[in-house]
């Protein structure tokens, strides 16, 4: 894998080395472990589990994240919490 390459499933710590300006964000109001997201310079979004900050980072396109957030806002995933 070439230096500077970002790929799905790469260790989040390695992603930080590739993108030093990376800023992880966690939803407000969550305590302890949760999902964190960070925007990449090319517009993609990295997602990691905050309980394992050096674990794998999943990389999604902007369109995929827009669909996820829109679906959550519309209640498409509410049944998962029942």
PDB file of N, CA and C in Angstrom:
ATOM      1  N   UNK A   1       0.848  -1.178   0.000  1.00  0.00           N
ATOM      2  CA  UNK A   1       0.000   0.000   0.000  1.00  0.00           C
ATOM      3  C   UNK A   1       0.888   1.234   0.000  1.00  0.00           C
ATOM      4  N   UNK A   2       0.653   2.136  -0.886  1.00  0.00           N
ATOM      5  CA  UNK A   2       1.476   3.336  -1.010  1.00  0.00           C
ATOM      6  C   UNK A   2       1.261   4.273   0.175  1.00  0.00           C
ATOM      7  N   UNK A   3       2.321   4.988   0.535  1.00  0.00           N
ATOM      8  CA  UNK A   3       2.230   5.961   1.605  1.00  0.00           C
ATOM      9  C   UNK A   3       1.197   7.018   1.238  1.00  0.00           C
ATOM     10  N   UNK A   4       0.394   7.419   2.204  1.00  0.00           N
ATOM     11  CA  UNK A   4      -0.631   8.420   1.963  1.00  0.00           C
ATOM     12  C   UNK A   4      -1.955   7.836   1.509  1.00  0.00           C
ATOM     13  N   UNK A   5      -1.999   6.516   1.344  1.00  0.00           N
ATOM     14  CA  UNK A   5      -3.229   5.870   0.900  1.00  0.00           C
ATOM     15  C   UNK A   5      -4.171   5.653   2.074  1.00  0.00           C
ATOM     16  N   UNK A   6      -5.418   6.063   1.894  1.00  0.00           N
ATOM     17  CA  UNK A   6      -6.456   5.840   2.891  1.00  0.00           C
ATOM     18  C   UNK A   6      -7.347   4.727   2.362  1.00  0.00           C
ATOM     19  N   UNK A   7      -7.619   3.722   3.187  1.00  0.00           N
ATOM     20  CA  UNK A   7      -8.433   2.598   2.733  1.00  0.00           C
ATOM     21  C   UNK A   7      -9.381   2.140   3.834  1.00  0.00           C
ATOM     22  N   UNK A   8     -10.471   1.533   3.429  1.00  0.00           N
ATOM     23  CA  UNK A   8     -11.482   1.040   4.344  1.00  0.00           C
ATOM     24  C   UNK A   8     -10.915  -0.050   5.242  1.00  0.00           C
ATOM     25  N   UNK A   9     -11.112   0.096   6.544  1.00  0.00           N
ATOM     26  CA  UNK A   9     -10.635  -0.893   7.502  1.00  0.00           C
ATOM     27  C   UNK A   9      -9.233  -0.634   8.017  1.00  0.00           C
ATOM     28  N   UNK A  10      -8.594   0.444   7.573  1.00  0.00           N
ATOM     29  CA  UNK A  10      -7.244   0.728   8.060  1.00  0.00           C
ATOM     30  C   UNK A  10      -7.302   1.096   9.539  1.00  0.00           C
ATOM     31  N   UNK A  11      -6.252   0.826  10.302  1.00  0.00           N
ATOM     32  CA  UNK A  11      -6.233   1.217  11.707  1.00  0.00           C
ATOM     33  C   UNK A  11      -6.393   2.728  11.843  1.00  0.00           C
ATOM     34  N   UNK A  12      -7.261   3.151  12.760  1.00  0.00           N
ATOM     35  CA  UNK A  12      -7.528   4.581  12.932  1.00  0.00           C
ATOM     36  C   UNK A  12      -6.255   5.337  13.313  1.00  0.00           C
ATOM     37  N   UNK A  13      -5.358   4.715  14.066  1.00  0.00           N
ATOM     38  CA  UNK A  13      -4.089   5.361  14.401  1.00  0.00           C
ATOM     39  C   UNK A  13      -3.251   5.614  13.162  1.00  0.00           C
ATOM     40  N   UNK A  14      -3.263   4.682  12.230  1.00  0.00           N
ATOM     41  CA  UNK A  14      -2.535   4.854  10.968  1.00  0.00           C
ATOM     42  C   UNK A  14      -3.207   5.936  10.126  1.00  0.00           C
ATOM     43  N   UNK A  15      -4.528   6.003  10.176  1.00  0.00           N
ATOM     44  CA  UNK A  15      -5.249   7.049   9.457  1.00  0.00           C
ATOM     45  C   UNK A  15      -4.824   8.418   9.971  1.00  0.00           C
ATOM     46  N   UNK A  16      -4.656   8.545  11.283  1.00  0.00           N
ATOM     47  CA  UNK A  16      -4.210   9.813  11.888  1.00  0.00           C
ATOM     48  C   UNK A  16      -2.829  10.186  11.357  1.00  0.00           C
ATOM     49  N   UNK A  17      -1.964   9.207  11.148  1.00  0.00           N
ATOM     50  CA  UNK A  17      -0.639   9.483  10.593  1.00  0.00           C
ATOM     51  C   UNK A  17      -0.747   9.998   9.155  1.00  0.00           C
ATOM     52  N   UNK A  18      -1.700   9.447   8.390  1.00  0.00           N
ATOM     53  CA  UNK A  18      -1.871   9.847   6.991  1.00  0.00           C
ATOM     54  C   UNK A  18      -2.549  11.213   6.875  1.00  0.00           C
ATOM     55  N   UNK A  19      -3.421  11.527   7.843  1.00  0.00           N
ATOM     56  CA  UNK A  19      -4.187  12.779   7.816  1.00  0.00           C
ATOM     57  C   UNK A  19      -4.033  13.452   9.183  1.00  0.00           C
ATOM     58  N   UNK A  20      -2.919  14.151   9.420  1.00  0.00           N
ATOM     59  CA  UNK A  20      -2.656  14.746  10.728  1.00  0.00           C
ATOM     60  C   UNK A  20      -3.725  15.736  11.192  1.00  0.00           C
ATOM     61  N   UNK A  21      -4.443  16.353  10.270  1.00  0.00           N
ATOM     62  CA  UNK A  21      -5.466  17.336  10.642  1.00  0.00           C
ATOM     63  C   UNK A  21      -6.800  16.693  11.026  1.00  0.00           C
ATOM     64  N   UNK A  22      -6.853  15.378  11.053  1.00  0.00           N
ATOM     65  CA  UNK A  22      -8.087  14.645  11.337  1.00  0.00           C
ATOM     66  C   UNK A  22      -8.665  15.036  12.694  1.00  0.00           C
ATOM     67  N   UNK A  23      -9.968  15.346  12.714  1.00  0.00           N
ATOM     68  CA  UNK A  23     -10.655  15.686  13.957  1.00  0.00           C
ATOM     69  C   UNK A  23     -11.858  14.769  14.120  1.00  0.00           C
ATOM     70  N   UNK A  24     -11.786  13.871  15.102  1.00  0.00           N
ATOM     71  CA  UNK A  24     -12.884  12.954  15.371  1.00  0.00           C
ATOM     72  C   UNK A  24     -13.970  13.677  16.144  1.00  0.00           C
ATOM     73  N   UNK A  25     -15.230  13.410  15.785  1.00  0.00           N
ATOM     74  CA  UNK A  25     -16.385  14.012  16.455  1.00  0.00           C
ATOM     75  C   UNK A  25     -17.314  12.906  16.936  1.00  0.00           C
ATOM     76  N   UNK A  26     -17.788  13.065  18.165  1.00  0.00           N
ATOM     77  CA  UNK A  26     -18.741  12.119  18.737  1.00  0.00           C
ATOM     78  C   UNK A  26     -20.024  12.883  19.023  1.00  0.00           C
ATOM     79  N   UNK A  27     -21.156  12.233  18.888  1.00  0.00           N
ATOM     80  CA  UNK A  27     -22.433  12.892  19.140  1.00  0.00           C
ATOM     81  C   UNK A  27     -22.466  13.446  20.560  1.00  0.00           C
ATOM     82  N   UNK A  28     -23.000  14.652  20.693  1.00  0.00           N
ATOM     83  CA  UNK A  28     -23.101  15.247  22.024  1.00  0.00           C
ATOM     84  C   UNK A  28     -24.093  14.458  22.856  1.00  0.00           C
ATOM     85  N   UNK A  29     -23.866  14.462  24.143  1.00  0.00           N
ATOM     86  CA  UNK A  29     -24.769  13.758  25.053  1.00  0.00           C
ATOM     87  C   UNK A  29     -24.442  12.292  25.244  1.00  0.00           C
ATOM     88  N   UNK A  30     -23.445  11.779  24.515  1.00  0.00           N
ATOM     89  CA  UNK A  30     -23.078  10.377  24.704  1.00  0.00           C
ATOM     90  C   UNK A  30     -21.959  10.289  25.730  1.00  0.00           C
ATOM     91  N   UNK A  31     -22.089   9.334  26.608  1.00  0.00           N
ATOM     92  CA  UNK A  31     -21.049   9.113  27.614  1.00  0.00           C
ATOM     93  C   UNK A  31     -20.369   7.783  27.321  1.00  0.00           C
ATOM     94  N   UNK A  32     -19.109   7.710  27.625  1.00  0.00           N
ATOM     95  CA  UNK A  32     -18.377   6.474  27.393  1.00  0.00           C
ATOM     96  C   UNK A  32     -18.152   6.224  25.918  1.00  0.00           C
ATOM     97  N   UNK A  33     -18.189   4.942  25.543  1.00  0.00           N
ATOM     98  CA  UNK A  33     -17.905   4.546  24.167  1.00  0.00           C
ATOM     99  C   UNK A  33     -19.032   4.967  23.233  1.00  0.00           C
ATOM    100  N   UNK A  34     -18.684   5.190  22.005  1.00  0.00           N
ATOM    101  CA  UNK A  34     -19.664   5.547  20.990  1.00  0.00           C
ATOM    102  C   UNK A  34     -19.028   5.563  19.621  1.00  0.00           C
ATOM    103  N   UNK A  35     -19.784   5.976  18.655  1.00  0.00           N
ATOM    104  CA  UNK A  35     -19.295   6.084  17.291  1.00  0.00           C
ATOM    105  C   UNK A  35     -18.738   7.485  17.093  1.00  0.00           C
ATOM    106  N   UNK A  36     -17.565   7.562  16.492  1.00  0.00           N
ATOM    107  CA  UNK A  36     -16.955   8.848  16.162  1.00  0.00           C
ATOM    108  C   UNK A  36     -16.784   8.936  14.653  1.00  0.00           C
ATOM    109  N   UNK A  37     -16.931  10.137  14.132  1.00  0.00           N
ATOM    110  CA  UNK A  37     -16.769  10.370  12.696  1.00  0.00           C
ATOM    111  C   UNK A  37     -15.786  11.504  12.472  1.00  0.00           C
ATOM    112  N   UNK A  38     -15.085  11.436  11.344  1.00  0.00           N
ATOM    113  CA  UNK A  38     -14.141  12.489  10.974  1.00  0.00           C
ATOM    114  C   UNK A  38     -14.194  12.683   9.467  1.00  0.00           C
ATOM    115  N   UNK A  39     -14.222  13.941   9.035  1.00  0.00           N
ATOM    116  CA  UNK A  39     -14.224  14.247   7.609  1.00  0.00           C
ATOM    117  C   UNK A  39     -12.797  14.171   7.084  1.00  0.00           C
ATOM    118  N   UNK A  40     -12.628  13.501   5.966  1.00  0.00           N
ATOM    119  CA  UNK A  40     -11.323  13.394   5.313  1.00  0.00           C
ATOM    120  C   UNK A  40     -11.186  14.521   4.293  1.00  0.00           C
ATOM    121  N   UNK A  41      -9.961  14.884   3.942  1.00  0.00           N
ATOM    122  CA  UNK A  41      -9.742  15.993   3.011  1.00  0.00           C
ATOM    123  C   UNK A  41     -10.457  15.831   1.666  1.00  0.00           C
ATOM    124  N   UNK A  42     -10.676  14.606   1.217  1.00  0.00           N
ATOM    125  CA  UNK A  42     -11.328  14.392  -0.086  1.00  0.00           C
ATOM    126  C   UNK A  42     -12.850  14.344   0.004  1.00  0.00           C
ATOM    127  N   UNK A  43     -13.416  14.605   1.207  1.00  0.00           N
ATOM    128  CA  UNK A  43     -14.861  14.627   1.383  1.00  0.00           C
ATOM    129  C   UNK A  43     -15.447  13.343   1.923  1.00  0.00           C
ATOM    130  N   UNK A  44     -14.666  12.274   1.937  1.00  0.00           N
ATOM    131  CA  UNK A  44     -15.148  11.036   2.532  1.00  0.00           C
ATOM    132  C   UNK A  44     -15.214  11.209   4.050  1.00  0.00           C
ATOM    133  N   UNK A  45     -15.851  10.252   4.721  1.00  0.00           N
ATOM    134  CA  UNK A  45     -15.991  10.312   6.170  1.00  0.00           C
ATOM    135  C   UNK A  45     -15.489   8.997   6.767  1.00  0.00           C
ATOM    136  N   UNK A  46     -14.634   9.119   7.778  1.00  0.00           N
ATOM    137  CA  UNK A  46     -14.133   7.948   8.500  1.00  0.00           C
ATOM    138  C   UNK A  46     -14.979   7.761   9.753  1.00  0.00           C
ATOM    139  N   UNK A  47     -15.236   6.502  10.103  1.00  0.00           N
ATOM    140  CA  UNK A  47     -16.035   6.153  11.275  1.00  0.00           C
ATOM    141  C   UNK A  47     -15.243   5.146  12.104  1.00  0.00           C
ATOM    142  N   UNK A  48     -15.218   5.364  13.426  1.00  0.00           N
ATOM    143  CA  UNK A  48     -14.524   4.423  14.312  1.00  0.00           C
ATOM    144  C   UNK A  48     -15.308   4.255  15.606  1.00  0.00           C
ATOM    145  N   UNK A  49     -14.968   3.237  16.351  1.00  0.00           N
ATOM    146  CA  UNK A  49     -15.530   2.974  17.671  1.00  0.00           C
ATOM    147  C   UNK A  49     -14.627   3.667  18.685  1.00  0.00           C
ATOM    148  N   UNK A  50     -15.174   4.617  19.458  1.00  0.00           N
ATOM    149  CA  UNK A  50     -14.337   5.377  20.386  1.00  0.00           C
ATOM    150  C   UNK A  50     -13.761   4.515  21.504  1.00  0.00           C
ATOM    151  N   UNK A  51     -14.357   3.354  21.755  1.00  0.00           N
ATOM    152  CA  UNK A  51     -13.816   2.458  22.775  1.00  0.00           C
ATOM    153  C   UNK A  51     -12.509   1.817  22.310  1.00  0.00           C
ATOM    154  N   UNK A  52     -12.298   1.787  20.998  1.00  0.00           N
ATOM    155  CA  UNK A  52     -11.093   1.215  20.401  1.00  0.00           C
ATOM    156  C   UNK A  52     -10.521   2.220  19.405  1.00  0.00           C
ATOM    157  N   UNK A  53      -9.973   3.337  19.892  1.00  0.00           N
ATOM    158  CA  UNK A  53      -9.557   4.422  18.993  1.00  0.00           C
ATOM    159  C   UNK A  53      -8.473   4.057  17.992  1.00  0.00           C
ATOM    160  N   UNK A  54      -7.753   2.990  18.221  1.00  0.00           N
ATOM    161  CA  UNK A  54      -6.743   2.563  17.251  1.00  0.00           C
ATOM    162  C   UNK A  54      -7.223   1.392  16.414  1.00  0.00           C
ATOM    163  N   UNK A  55      -8.489   0.999  16.611  1.00  0.00           N
ATOM    164  CA  UNK A  55      -9.080  -0.091  15.830  1.00  0.00           C
ATOM    165  C   UNK A  55      -9.355   0.354  14.407  1.00  0.00           C
ATOM    166  N   UNK A  56     -10.090  -0.466  13.647  1.00  0.00           N
ATOM    167  CA  UNK A  56     -10.322  -0.146  12.243  1.00  0.00           C
ATOM    168  C   UNK A  56     -11.209   1.075  12.049  1.00  0.00           C
ATOM    169  N   UNK A  57     -10.927   1.819  11.001  1.00  0.00           N
ATOM    170  CA  UNK A  57     -11.755   2.951  10.593  1.00  0.00           C
ATOM    171  C   UNK A  57     -12.462   2.562   9.302  1.00  0.00           C
ATOM    172  N   UNK A  58     -13.763   2.706   9.293  1.00  0.00           N
ATOM    173  CA  UNK A  58     -14.522   2.451   8.082  1.00  0.00           C
ATOM    174  C   UNK A  58     -14.622   3.763   7.315  1.00  0.00           C
ATOM    175  N   UNK A  59     -14.409   3.704   6.013  1.00  0.00           N
ATOM    176  CA  UNK A  59     -14.385   4.893   5.174  1.00  0.00           C
ATOM    177  C   UNK A  59     -15.625   4.883   4.278  1.00  0.00           C
ATOM    178  N   UNK A  60     -16.412   5.968   4.356  1.00  0.00           N
ATOM    179  CA  UNK A  60     -17.639   6.089   3.580  1.00  0.00           C
ATOM    180  C   UNK A  60     -17.578   7.324   2.694  1.00  0.00           C
ATOM    181  N   UNK A  61     -18.273   7.261   1.563  1.00  0.00           N
ATOM    182  CA  UNK A  61     -18.390   8.436   0.708  1.00  0.00           C
ATOM    183  C   UNK A  61     -19.358   9.427   1.352  1.00  0.00           C
ATOM    184  N   UNK A  62     -19.325  10.647   0.893  1.00  0.00           N
ATOM    185  CA  UNK A  62     -20.263  11.653   1.398  1.00  0.00           C
ATOM    186  C   UNK A  62     -21.710  11.208   1.152  1.00  0.00           C
ATOM    187  N   UNK A  63     -21.982  10.654  -0.030  1.00  0.00           N
ATOM    188  CA  UNK A  63     -23.335  10.202  -0.366  1.00  0.00           C
ATOM    189  C   UNK A  63     -23.806   9.111   0.592  1.00  0.00           C
ATOM    190  N   UNK A  64     -22.914   8.203   0.960  1.00  0.00           N
ATOM    191  CA  UNK A  64     -23.286   7.139   1.899  1.00  0.00           C
ATOM    192  C   UNK A  64     -23.624   7.704   3.271  1.00  0.00           C
ATOM    193  N   UNK A  65     -22.844   8.674   3.743  1.00  0.00           N
ATOM    194  CA  UNK A  65     -23.106   9.293   5.043  1.00  0.00           C
ATOM    195  C   UNK A  65     -24.397  10.109   4.987  1.00  0.00           C
ATOM    196  N   UNK A  66     -24.630  10.808   3.876  1.00  0.00           N
ATOM    197  CA  UNK A  66     -25.883  11.548   3.728  1.00  0.00           C
ATOM    198  C   UNK A  66     -27.083  10.610   3.800  1.00  0.00           C
ATOM    199  N   UNK A  67     -26.981   9.441   3.168  1.00  0.00           N
ATOM    200  CA  UNK A  67     -28.073   8.467   3.206  1.00  0.00           C
ATOM    201  C   UNK A  67     -28.276   7.936   4.630  1.00  0.00           C
ATOM    202  N   UNK A  68     -27.195   7.668   5.348  1.00  0.00           N
ATOM    203  CA  UNK A  68     -27.293   7.178   6.723  1.00  0.00           C
ATOM    204  C   UNK A  68     -27.959   8.219   7.624  1.00  0.00           C
ATOM    205  N   UNK A  69     -27.473   9.450   7.568  1.00  0.00           N
ATOM    206  CA  UNK A  69     -28.024  10.503   8.424  1.00  0.00           C
ATOM    207  C   UNK A  69     -29.481  10.786   8.056  1.00  0.00           C
ATOM    208  N   UNK A  70     -29.779  10.844   6.778  1.00  0.00           N
ATOM    209  CA  UNK A  70     -31.156  11.061   6.342  1.00  0.00           C
ATOM    210  C   UNK A  70     -32.078   9.948   6.801  1.00  0.00           C
ATOM    211  N   UNK A  71     -31.607   8.723   6.686  1.00  0.00           N
ATOM    212  CA  UNK A  71     -32.405   7.583   7.137  1.00  0.00           C
ATOM    213  C   UNK A  71     -32.648   7.617   8.637  1.00  0.00           C
ATOM    214  N   UNK A  72     -31.633   8.012   9.392  1.00  0.00           N
ATOM    215  CA  UNK A  72     -31.794   8.118  10.846  1.00  0.00           C
ATOM    216  C   UNK A  72     -32.795   9.221  11.188  1.00  0.00           C
ATOM    217  N   UNK A  73     -32.706  10.350  10.488  1.00  0.00           N
ATOM    218  CA  UNK A  73     -33.646  11.444  10.725  1.00  0.00           C
ATOM    219  C   UNK A  73     -35.076  11.041  10.377  1.00  0.00           C
ATOM    220  N   UNK A  74     -35.243  10.217   9.358  1.00  0.00           N
ATOM    221  CA  UNK A  74     -36.569   9.779   8.923  1.00  0.00           C
ATOM    222  C   UNK A  74     -37.123   8.628   9.764  1.00  0.00           C
ATOM    223  N   UNK A  75     -36.302   8.081  10.679  1.00  0.00           N
ATOM    224  CA  UNK A  75     -36.760   6.991  11.534  1.00  0.00           C
ATOM    225  C   UNK A  75     -36.595   5.611  10.926  1.00  0.00           C
ATOM    226  N   UNK A  76     -35.859   5.518   9.817  1.00  0.00           N
ATOM    227  CA  UNK A  76     -35.694   4.228   9.135  1.00  0.00           C
ATOM    228  C   UNK A  76     -35.070   3.149  10.011  1.00  0.00           C
ATOM    229  N   UNK A  77     -34.323   3.529  11.041  1.00  0.00           N
ATOM    230  CA  UNK A  77     -33.616   2.557  11.866  1.00  0.00           C
ATOM    231  C   UNK A  77     -34.192   2.435  13.272  1.00  0.00           C
ATOM    232  N   UNK A  78     -35.314   3.091  13.532  1.00  0.00           N
ATOM    233  CA  UNK A  78     -35.899   3.066  14.864  1.00  0.00           C
ATOM    234  C   UNK A  78     -36.185   1.646  15.364  1.00  0.00           C
ATOM    235  N   UNK A  79     -36.555   0.739  14.465  1.00  0.00           N
ATOM    236  CA  UNK A  79     -36.863  -0.638  14.856  1.00  0.00           C
ATOM    237  C   UNK A  79     -35.645  -1.338  15.461  1.00  0.00           C
ATOM    238  N   UNK A  80     -34.453  -0.878  15.141  1.00  0.00           N
ATOM    239  CA  UNK A  80     -33.261  -1.496  15.705  1.00  0.00           C
ATOM    240  C   UNK A  80     -33.144  -1.232  17.203  1.00  0.00           C
ATOM    241  N   UNK A  81     -33.834  -0.220  17.705  1.00  0.00           N
ATOM    242  CA  UNK A  81     -33.773   0.134  19.116  1.00  0.00           C
ATOM    243  C   UNK A  81     -34.915  -0.454  19.927  1.00  0.00           C
ATOM    244  N   UNK A  82     -35.850  -1.115  19.251  1.00  0.00           N
ATOM    245  CA  UNK A  82     -37.022  -1.682  19.941  1.00  0.00           C
ATOM    246  C   UNK A  82     -36.669  -2.948  20.685  1.00  0.00           C
TER     247      UNK A  82
END
